[in-house]
């Protein structure tokens, strides 16, 4: 047998201890089960994904569609960079 040390946030460790306790096991047993499952299946036993690009979030797409509609309806104000810089100096 070997010993493995890991670092956990104090609050996460406490929450994990409480969860494991309700299941009748220790954190050590939890990690042993996790390891056995990973080795048996030859994969991480849960899905890992990268966060989506926030540009394509539902809220942003909604805003882009709204802005597109405003452009189509002529509800936009166009200013050159010089005009914007002049407004900034005011």
PDB file of N, CA and C in Angstrom:
ATOM      1  N   UNK A   1       0.843  -1.186   0.000  1.00  0.00           N
ATOM      2  CA  UNK A   1       0.000   0.000   0.000  1.00  0.00           C
ATOM      3  C   UNK A   1       0.881   1.239   0.000  1.00  0.00           C
ATOM      4  N   UNK A   2       0.349   2.291  -0.603  1.00  0.00           N
ATOM      5  CA  UNK A   2       1.052   3.566  -0.619  1.00  0.00           C
ATOM      6  C   UNK A   2       0.111   4.663  -0.130  1.00  0.00           C
ATOM      7  N   UNK A   3       0.684   5.768   0.247  1.00  0.00           N
ATOM      8  CA  UNK A   3      -0.109   6.909   0.712  1.00  0.00           C
ATOM      9  C   UNK A   3      -0.002   8.031  -0.307  1.00  0.00           C
ATOM     10  N   UNK A   4      -1.125   8.646  -0.616  1.00  0.00           N
ATOM     11  CA  UNK A   4      -1.173   9.783  -1.532  1.00  0.00           C
ATOM     12  C   UNK A   4      -1.744  10.965  -0.768  1.00  0.00           C
ATOM     13  N   UNK A   5      -1.094  12.102  -0.877  1.00  0.00           N
ATOM     14  CA  UNK A   5      -1.594  13.320  -0.239  1.00  0.00           C
ATOM     15  C   UNK A   5      -2.158  14.250  -1.315  1.00  0.00           C
ATOM     16  N   UNK A   6      -3.295  14.857  -1.033  1.00  0.00           N
ATOM     17  CA  UNK A   6      -3.873  15.844  -1.943  1.00  0.00           C
ATOM     18  C   UNK A   6      -4.235  17.087  -1.144  1.00  0.00           C
ATOM     19  N   UNK A   7      -4.316  18.205  -1.836  1.00  0.00           N
ATOM     20  CA  UNK A   7      -4.693  19.447  -1.194  1.00  0.00           C
ATOM     21  C   UNK A   7      -6.122  19.786  -1.614  1.00  0.00           C
ATOM     22  N   UNK A   8      -6.942  20.108  -0.627  1.00  0.00           N
ATOM     23  CA  UNK A   8      -8.332  20.498  -0.860  1.00  0.00           C
ATOM     24  C   UNK A   8      -8.619  21.778  -0.087  1.00  0.00           C
ATOM     25  N   UNK A   9      -9.503  22.559  -0.632  1.00  0.00           N
ATOM     26  CA  UNK A   9     -10.016  23.710   0.099  1.00  0.00           C
ATOM     27  C   UNK A   9     -10.695  23.188   1.367  1.00  0.00           C
ATOM     28  N   UNK A  10     -10.531  23.895   2.482  1.00  0.00           N
ATOM     29  CA  UNK A  10     -11.087  23.431   3.760  1.00  0.00           C
ATOM     30  C   UNK A  10     -12.592  23.183   3.686  1.00  0.00           C
ATOM     31  N   UNK A  11     -13.310  24.111   3.050  1.00  0.00           N
ATOM     32  CA  UNK A  11     -14.767  23.966   2.960  1.00  0.00           C
ATOM     33  C   UNK A  11     -15.158  22.770   2.095  1.00  0.00           C
ATOM     34  N   UNK A  12     -14.419  22.569   0.999  1.00  0.00           N
ATOM     35  CA  UNK A  12     -14.718  21.426   0.126  1.00  0.00           C
ATOM     36  C   UNK A  12     -14.431  20.115   0.844  1.00  0.00           C
ATOM     37  N   UNK A  13     -13.338  20.072   1.617  1.00  0.00           N
ATOM     38  CA  UNK A  13     -13.014  18.852   2.369  1.00  0.00           C
ATOM     39  C   UNK A  13     -14.120  18.541   3.370  1.00  0.00           C
ATOM     40  N   UNK A  14     -14.584  19.564   4.072  1.00  0.00           N
ATOM     41  CA  UNK A  14     -15.645  19.359   5.056  1.00  0.00           C
ATOM     42  C   UNK A  14     -16.918  18.855   4.370  1.00  0.00           C
ATOM     43  N   UNK A  15     -17.251  19.465   3.241  1.00  0.00           N
ATOM     44  CA  UNK A  15     -18.454  19.044   2.511  1.00  0.00           C
ATOM     45  C   UNK A  15     -18.306  17.615   2.002  1.00  0.00           C
ATOM     46  N   UNK A  16     -17.111  17.270   1.510  1.00  0.00           N
ATOM     47  CA  UNK A  16     -16.871  15.903   1.036  1.00  0.00           C
ATOM     48  C   UNK A  16     -16.951  14.904   2.187  1.00  0.00           C
ATOM     49  N   UNK A  17     -16.388  15.268   3.343  1.00  0.00           N
ATOM     50  CA  UNK A  17     -16.474  14.396   4.520  1.00  0.00           C
ATOM     51  C   UNK A  17     -17.928  14.145   4.908  1.00  0.00           C
ATOM     52  N   UNK A  18     -18.730  15.206   4.897  1.00  0.00           N
ATOM     53  CA  UNK A  18     -20.153  15.070   5.250  1.00  0.00           C
ATOM     54  C   UNK A  18     -20.881  14.187   4.238  1.00  0.00           C
ATOM     55  N   UNK A  19     -20.610  14.390   2.956  1.00  0.00           N
ATOM     56  CA  UNK A  19     -21.252  13.584   1.918  1.00  0.00           C
ATOM     57  C   UNK A  19     -20.867  12.111   2.074  1.00  0.00           C
ATOM     58  N   UNK A  20     -19.569  11.863   2.231  1.00  0.00           N
ATOM     59  CA  UNK A  20     -19.096  10.491   2.381  1.00  0.00           C
ATOM     60  C   UNK A  20     -19.687   9.845   3.629  1.00  0.00           C
ATOM     61  N   UNK A  21     -19.766  10.604   4.706  1.00  0.00           N
ATOM     62  CA  UNK A  21     -20.318  10.089   5.953  1.00  0.00           C
ATOM     63  C   UNK A  21     -21.761   9.634   5.774  1.00  0.00           C
ATOM     64  N   UNK A  22     -22.541  10.416   5.021  1.00  0.00           N
ATOM     65  CA  UNK A  22     -23.937  10.017   4.794  1.00  0.00           C
ATOM     66  C   UNK A  22     -24.031   8.748   3.957  1.00  0.00           C
ATOM     67  N   UNK A  23     -22.964   8.442   3.221  1.00  0.00           N
ATOM     68  CA  UNK A  23     -22.924   7.221   2.415  1.00  0.00           C
ATOM     69  C   UNK A  23     -22.230   6.087   3.158  1.00  0.00           C
ATOM     70  N   UNK A  24     -21.809   6.356   4.400  1.00  0.00           N
ATOM     71  CA  UNK A  24     -21.173   5.326   5.211  1.00  0.00           C
ATOM     72  C   UNK A  24     -19.745   5.021   4.834  1.00  0.00           C
ATOM     73  N   UNK A  25     -19.013   6.031   4.338  1.00  0.00           N
ATOM     74  CA  UNK A  25     -17.614   5.797   3.965  1.00  0.00           C
ATOM     75  C   UNK A  25     -16.761   6.998   4.344  1.00  0.00           C
ATOM     76  N   UNK A  26     -15.466   6.781   4.307  1.00  0.00           N
ATOM     77  CA  UNK A  26     -14.509   7.853   4.572  1.00  0.00           C
ATOM     78  C   UNK A  26     -14.059   8.460   3.237  1.00  0.00           C
ATOM     79  N   UNK A  27     -13.336   9.567   3.332  1.00  0.00           N
ATOM     80  CA  UNK A  27     -12.775  10.164   2.112  1.00  0.00           C
ATOM     81  C   UNK A  27     -11.795   9.189   1.472  1.00  0.00           C
ATOM     82  N   UNK A  28     -11.040   8.485   2.273  1.00  0.00           N
ATOM     83  CA  UNK A  28     -10.092   7.505   1.749  1.00  0.00           C
ATOM     84  C   UNK A  28     -10.818   6.436   0.924  1.00  0.00           C
ATOM     85  N   UNK A  29     -11.940   5.941   1.445  1.00  0.00           N
ATOM     86  CA  UNK A  29     -12.737   4.945   0.717  1.00  0.00           C
ATOM     87  C   UNK A  29     -13.288   5.546  -0.569  1.00  0.00           C
ATOM     88  N   UNK A  30     -13.737   6.799  -0.486  1.00  0.00           N
ATOM     89  CA  UNK A  30     -14.250   7.492  -1.675  1.00  0.00           C
ATOM     90  C   UNK A  30     -13.203   7.500  -2.787  1.00  0.00           C
ATOM     91  N   UNK A  31     -11.964   7.902  -2.455  1.00  0.00           N
ATOM     92  CA  UNK A  31     -10.919   7.963  -3.479  1.00  0.00           C
ATOM     93  C   UNK A  31     -10.507   6.580  -3.955  1.00  0.00           C
ATOM     94  N   UNK A  32     -10.567   5.586  -3.093  1.00  0.00           N
ATOM     95  CA  UNK A  32     -10.255   4.227  -3.504  1.00  0.00           C
ATOM     96  C   UNK A  32     -11.304   3.743  -4.517  1.00  0.00           C
ATOM     97  N   UNK A  33     -12.590   4.001  -4.224  1.00  0.00           N
ATOM     98  CA  UNK A  33     -13.651   3.627  -5.166  1.00  0.00           C
ATOM     99  C   UNK A  33     -13.500   4.361  -6.501  1.00  0.00           C
ATOM    100  N   UNK A  34     -13.184   5.649  -6.420  1.00  0.00           N
ATOM    101  CA  UNK A  34     -12.982   6.459  -7.619  1.00  0.00           C
ATOM    102  C   UNK A  34     -11.849   5.877  -8.472  1.00  0.00           C
ATOM    103  N   UNK A  35     -10.744   5.539  -7.817  1.00  0.00           N
ATOM    104  CA  UNK A  35      -9.590   4.980  -8.519  1.00  0.00           C
ATOM    105  C   UNK A  35      -9.931   3.645  -9.170  1.00  0.00           C
ATOM    106  N   UNK A  36     -10.605   2.768  -8.430  1.00  0.00           N
ATOM    107  CA  UNK A  36     -10.971   1.454  -8.986  1.00  0.00           C
ATOM    108  C   UNK A  36     -11.894   1.603 -10.183  1.00  0.00           C
ATOM    109  N   UNK A  37     -12.849   2.516 -10.102  1.00  0.00           N
ATOM    110  CA  UNK A  37     -13.780   2.752 -11.221  1.00  0.00           C
ATOM    111  C   UNK A  37     -13.016   3.279 -12.436  1.00  0.00           C
ATOM    112  N   UNK A  38     -12.120   4.230 -12.222  1.00  0.00           N
ATOM    113  CA  UNK A  38     -11.343   4.789 -13.332  1.00  0.00           C
ATOM    114  C   UNK A  38     -10.482   3.723 -13.986  1.00  0.00           C
ATOM    115  N   UNK A  39      -9.840   2.898 -13.187  1.00  0.00           N
ATOM    116  CA  UNK A  39      -8.988   1.844 -13.740  1.00  0.00           C
ATOM    117  C   UNK A  39      -9.801   0.771 -14.450  1.00  0.00           C
ATOM    118  N   UNK A  40     -10.944   0.412 -13.897  1.00  0.00           N
ATOM    119  CA  UNK A  40     -11.784  -0.620 -14.511  1.00  0.00           C
ATOM    120  C   UNK A  40     -12.316  -0.145 -15.868  1.00  0.00           C
ATOM    121  N   UNK A  41     -12.788   1.119 -15.925  1.00  0.00           N
ATOM    122  CA  UNK A  41     -13.383   1.651 -17.155  1.00  0.00           C
ATOM    123  C   UNK A  41     -12.348   2.261 -18.099  1.00  0.00           C
ATOM    124  N   UNK A  42     -11.135   2.477 -17.587  1.00  0.00           N
ATOM    125  CA  UNK A  42     -10.054   3.095 -18.352  1.00  0.00           C
ATOM    126  C   UNK A  42     -10.447   4.488 -18.836  1.00  0.00           C
ATOM    127  N   UNK A  43     -11.152   5.204 -17.964  1.00  0.00           N
ATOM    128  CA  UNK A  43     -11.546   6.584 -18.251  1.00  0.00           C
ATOM    129  C   UNK A  43     -11.888   7.270 -16.941  1.00  0.00           C
ATOM    130  N   UNK A  44     -11.909   8.587 -16.980  1.00  0.00           N
ATOM    131  CA  UNK A  44     -12.345   9.336 -15.807  1.00  0.00           C
ATOM    132  C   UNK A  44     -13.839   9.093 -15.659  1.00  0.00           C
ATOM    133  N   UNK A  45     -14.302   8.739 -14.476  1.00  0.00           N
ATOM    134  CA  UNK A  45     -15.705   8.318 -14.328  1.00  0.00           C
ATOM    135  C   UNK A  45     -16.738   9.449 -14.293  1.00  0.00           C
ATOM    136  N   UNK A  46     -16.426  10.553 -14.914  1.00  0.00           N
ATOM    137  CA  UNK A  46     -17.404  11.627 -15.098  1.00  0.00           C
ATOM    138  C   UNK A  46     -16.938  12.454 -16.280  1.00  0.00           C
ATOM    139  N   UNK A  47     -17.844  13.215 -16.846  1.00  0.00           N
ATOM    140  CA  UNK A  47     -17.535  14.006 -18.024  1.00  0.00           C
ATOM    141  C   UNK A  47     -16.796  15.278 -17.629  1.00  0.00           C
ATOM    142  N   UNK A  48     -15.733  15.574 -18.358  1.00  0.00           N
ATOM    143  CA  UNK A  48     -14.998  16.821 -18.174  1.00  0.00           C
ATOM    144  C   UNK A  48     -15.147  17.612 -19.461  1.00  0.00           C
ATOM    145  N   UNK A  49     -15.595  18.840 -19.335  1.00  0.00           N
ATOM    146  CA  UNK A  49     -15.777  19.675 -20.512  1.00  0.00           C
ATOM    147  C   UNK A  49     -15.116  21.033 -20.292  1.00  0.00           C
ATOM    148  N   UNK A  50     -14.770  21.653 -21.381  1.00  0.00           N
ATOM    149  CA  UNK A  50     -14.242  23.020 -21.311  1.00  0.00           C
ATOM    150  C   UNK A  50     -15.421  23.975 -21.387  1.00  0.00           C
ATOM    151  N   UNK A  51     -15.339  25.086 -20.675  1.00  0.00           N
ATOM    152  CA  UNK A  51     -16.441  26.039 -20.738  1.00  0.00           C
ATOM    153  C   UNK A  51     -16.612  26.564 -22.157  1.00  0.00           C
ATOM    154  N   UNK A  52     -17.840  26.810 -22.521  1.00  0.00           N
ATOM    155  CA  UNK A  52     -18.125  27.351 -23.843  1.00  0.00           C
ATOM    156  C   UNK A  52     -17.624  28.785 -23.934  1.00  0.00           C
ATOM    157  N   UNK A  53     -17.341  29.194 -25.143  1.00  0.00           N
ATOM    158  CA  UNK A  53     -16.950  30.578 -25.385  1.00  0.00           C
ATOM    159  C   UNK A  53     -18.127  31.463 -24.986  1.00  0.00           C
ATOM    160  N   UNK A  54     -17.927  32.405 -24.047  1.00  0.00           N
ATOM    161  CA  UNK A  54     -19.047  33.235 -23.583  1.00  0.00           C
ATOM    162  C   UNK A  54     -19.693  34.054 -24.694  1.00  0.00           C
ATOM    163  N   UNK A  55     -18.982  34.248 -25.795  1.00  0.00           N
ATOM    164  CA  UNK A  55     -19.563  34.981 -26.915  1.00  0.00           C
ATOM    165  C   UNK A  55     -20.825  34.287 -27.417  1.00  0.00           C
ATOM    166  N   UNK A  56     -20.839  32.947 -27.348  1.00  0.00           N
ATOM    167  CA  UNK A  56     -21.971  32.186 -27.854  1.00  0.00           C
ATOM    168  C   UNK A  56     -22.984  31.826 -26.774  1.00  0.00           C
ATOM    169  N   UNK A  57     -22.929  32.492 -25.636  1.00  0.00           N
ATOM    170  CA  UNK A  57     -23.899  32.227 -24.578  1.00  0.00           C
ATOM    171  C   UNK A  57     -25.292  32.641 -25.035  1.00  0.00           C
ATOM    172  N   UNK A  58     -26.290  32.046 -24.430  1.00  0.00           N
ATOM    173  CA  UNK A  58     -27.682  32.359 -24.782  1.00  0.00           C
ATOM    174  C   UNK A  58     -27.973  33.838 -24.608  1.00  0.00           C
ATOM    175  N   UNK A  59     -27.502  34.414 -23.512  1.00  0.00           N
ATOM    176  CA  UNK A  59     -27.760  35.837 -23.248  1.00  0.00           C
ATOM    177  C   UNK A  59     -27.108  36.722 -24.305  1.00  0.00           C
ATOM    178  N   UNK A  60     -25.883  36.385 -24.698  1.00  0.00           N
ATOM    179  CA  UNK A  60     -25.194  37.212 -25.690  1.00  0.00           C
ATOM    180  C   UNK A  60     -25.835  37.074 -27.064  1.00  0.00           C
ATOM    181  N   UNK A  61     -26.227  35.868 -27.442  1.00  0.00           N
ATOM    182  CA  UNK A  61     -26.896  35.667 -28.731  1.00  0.00           C
ATOM    183  C   UNK A  61     -28.187  36.478 -28.768  1.00  0.00           C
ATOM    184  N   UNK A  62     -28.917  36.501 -27.654  1.00  0.00           N
ATOM    185  CA  UNK A  62     -30.148  37.281 -27.567  1.00  0.00           C
ATOM    186  C   UNK A  62     -29.849  38.774 -27.797  1.00  0.00           C
ATOM    187  N   UNK A  63     -28.789  39.274 -27.164  1.00  0.00           N
ATOM    188  CA  UNK A  63     -28.409  40.681 -27.330  1.00  0.00           C
ATOM    189  C   UNK A  63     -27.967  40.967 -28.759  1.00  0.00           C
ATOM    190  N   UNK A  64     -27.240  40.041 -29.371  1.00  0.00           N
ATOM    191  CA  UNK A  64     -26.799  40.231 -30.750  1.00  0.00           C
ATOM    192  C   UNK A  64     -27.987  40.283 -31.705  1.00  0.00           C
ATOM    193  N   UNK A  65     -28.970  39.409 -31.477  1.00  0.00           N
ATOM    194  CA  UNK A  65     -30.176  39.419 -32.319  1.00  0.00           C
ATOM    195  C   UNK A  65     -30.950  40.725 -32.139  1.00  0.00           C
ATOM    196  N   UNK A  66     -31.018  41.192 -30.884  1.00  0.00           N
ATOM    197  CA  UNK A  66     -31.697  42.447 -30.599  1.00  0.00           C
ATOM    198  C   UNK A  66     -30.993  43.607 -31.316  1.00  0.00           C
ATOM    199  N   UNK A  67     -29.667  43.629 -31.229  1.00  0.00           N
ATOM    200  CA  UNK A  67     -28.883  44.678 -31.886  1.00  0.00           C
ATOM    201  C   UNK A  67     -29.051  44.611 -33.400  1.00  0.00           C
ATOM    202  N   UNK A  68     -29.052  43.404 -33.947  1.00  0.00           N
ATOM    203  CA  UNK A  68     -29.242  43.223 -35.388  1.00  0.00           C
ATOM    204  C   UNK A  68     -30.607  43.765 -35.816  1.00  0.00           C
ATOM    205  N   UNK A  69     -31.626  43.487 -35.025  1.00  0.00           N
ATOM    206  CA  UNK A  69     -32.969  43.983 -35.331  1.00  0.00           C
ATOM    207  C   UNK A  69     -32.999  45.506 -35.279  1.00  0.00           C
ATOM    208  N   UNK A  70     -32.325  46.101 -34.301  1.00  0.00           N
ATOM    209  CA  UNK A  70     -32.276  47.560 -34.196  1.00  0.00           C
ATOM    210  C   UNK A  70     -31.592  48.176 -35.408  1.00  0.00           C
ATOM    211  N   UNK A  71     -30.536  47.525 -35.892  1.00  0.00           N
ATOM    212  CA  UNK A  71     -29.851  48.011 -37.092  1.00  0.00           C
ATOM    213  C   UNK A  71     -30.807  47.946 -38.281  1.00  0.00           C
ATOM    214  N   UNK A  72     -31.520  46.828 -38.431  1.00  0.00           N
ATOM    215  CA  UNK A  72     -32.461  46.666 -39.551  1.00  0.00           C
ATOM    216  C   UNK A  72     -33.574  47.707 -39.492  1.00  0.00           C
ATOM    217  N   UNK A  73     -33.972  48.111 -38.288  1.00  0.00           N
ATOM    218  CA  UNK A  73     -35.041  49.093 -38.117  1.00  0.00           C
ATOM    219  C   UNK A  73     -34.519  50.524 -38.132  1.00  0.00           C
ATOM    220  N   UNK A  74     -33.211  50.683 -38.310  1.00  0.00           N
ATOM    221  CA  UNK A  74     -32.632  52.022 -38.353  1.00  0.00           C
ATOM    222  C   UNK A  74     -32.564  52.708 -37.000  1.00  0.00           C
ATOM    223  N   UNK A  75     -32.612  51.940 -35.941  1.00  0.00           N
ATOM    224  CA  UNK A  75     -32.605  52.503 -34.588  1.00  0.00           C
ATOM    225  C   UNK A  75     -31.185  52.561 -34.020  1.00  0.00           C
ATOM    226  N   UNK A  76     -30.237  52.977 -34.827  1.00  0.00           N
ATOM    227  CA  UNK A  76     -28.856  53.072 -34.376  1.00  0.00           C
ATOM    228  C   UNK A  76     -28.321  54.467 -34.658  1.00  0.00           C
ATOM    229  N   UNK A  77     -27.342  54.847 -33.892  1.00  0.00           N
ATOM    230  CA  UNK A  77     -26.677  56.122 -34.103  1.00  0.00           C
ATOM    231  C   UNK A  77     -25.258  55.806 -34.537  1.00  0.00           C
ATOM    232  N   UNK A  78     -24.871  56.345 -35.684  1.00  0.00           N
ATOM    233  CA  UNK A  78     -23.531  56.089 -36.188  1.00  0.00           C
ATOM    234  C   UNK A  78     -22.654  57.298 -35.919  1.00  0.00           C
ATOM    235  N   UNK A  79     -21.466  57.051 -35.395  1.00  0.00           N
ATOM    236  CA  UNK A  79     -20.502  58.108 -35.133  1.00  0.00           C
ATOM    237  C   UNK A  79     -19.125  57.605 -35.546  1.00  0.00           C
ATOM    238  N   UNK A  80     -18.324  58.511 -36.046  1.00  0.00           N
ATOM    239  CA  UNK A  80     -16.947  58.162 -36.395  1.00  0.00           C
ATOM    240  C   UNK A  80     -16.129  58.106 -35.113  1.00  0.00           C
ATOM    241  N   UNK A  81     -14.941  57.564 -35.214  1.00  0.00           N
ATOM    242  CA  UNK A  81     -14.070  57.491 -34.048  1.00  0.00           C
ATOM    243  C   UNK A  81     -13.708  58.885 -33.564  1.00  0.00           C
ATOM    244  N   UNK A  82     -13.551  59.804 -34.509  1.00  0.00           N
ATOM    245  CA  UNK A  82     -13.235  61.185 -34.139  1.00  0.00           C
ATOM    246  C   UNK A  82     -14.379  61.809 -33.344  1.00  0.00           C
ATOM    247  N   UNK A  83     -15.609  61.556 -33.770  1.00  0.00           N
ATOM    248  CA  UNK A  83     -16.771  62.083 -33.047  1.00  0.00           C
ATOM    249  C   UNK A  83     -16.863  61.491 -31.640  1.00  0.00           C
ATOM    250  N   UNK A  84     -16.578  60.214 -31.513  1.00  0.00           N
ATOM    251  CA  UNK A  84     -16.603  59.571 -30.208  1.00  0.00           C
ATOM    252  C   UNK A  84     -15.510  60.133 -29.296  1.00  0.00           C
ATOM    253  N   UNK A  85     -14.333  60.341 -29.860  1.00  0.00           N
ATOM    254  CA  UNK A  85     -13.247  60.915 -29.066  1.00  0.00           C
ATOM    255  C   UNK A  85     -13.575  62.334 -28.636  1.00  0.00           C
ATOM    256  N   UNK A  86     -14.250  63.092 -29.493  1.00  0.00           N
ATOM    257  CA  UNK A  86     -14.654  64.453 -29.146  1.00  0.00           C
ATOM    258  C   UNK A  86     -15.668  64.425 -28.006  1.00  0.00           C
ATOM    259  N   UNK A  87     -16.600  63.468 -28.046  1.00  0.00           N
ATOM    260  CA  UNK A  87     -17.576  63.336 -26.965  1.00  0.00           C
ATOM    261  C   UNK A  87     -16.882  63.003 -25.643  1.00  0.00           C
ATOM    262  N   UNK A  88     -15.847  62.201 -25.723  1.00  0.00           N
ATOM    263  CA  UNK A  88     -15.118  61.799 -24.527  1.00  0.00           C
ATOM    264  C   UNK A  88     -14.426  63.015 -23.886  1.00  0.00           C
ATOM    265  N   UNK A  89     -13.927  63.939 -24.702  1.00  0.00           N
ATOM    266  CA  UNK A  89     -13.217  65.115 -24.188  1.00  0.00           C
ATOM    267  C   UNK A  89     -14.165  66.138 -23.585  1.00  0.00           C
ATOM    268  N   UNK A  90     -15.461  66.079 -23.899  1.00  0.00           N
ATOM    269  CA  UNK A  90     -16.428  67.069 -23.393  1.00  0.00           C
ATOM    270  C   UNK A  90     -16.672  66.948 -21.928  1.00  0.00           C
TER     271      UNK A  90
END
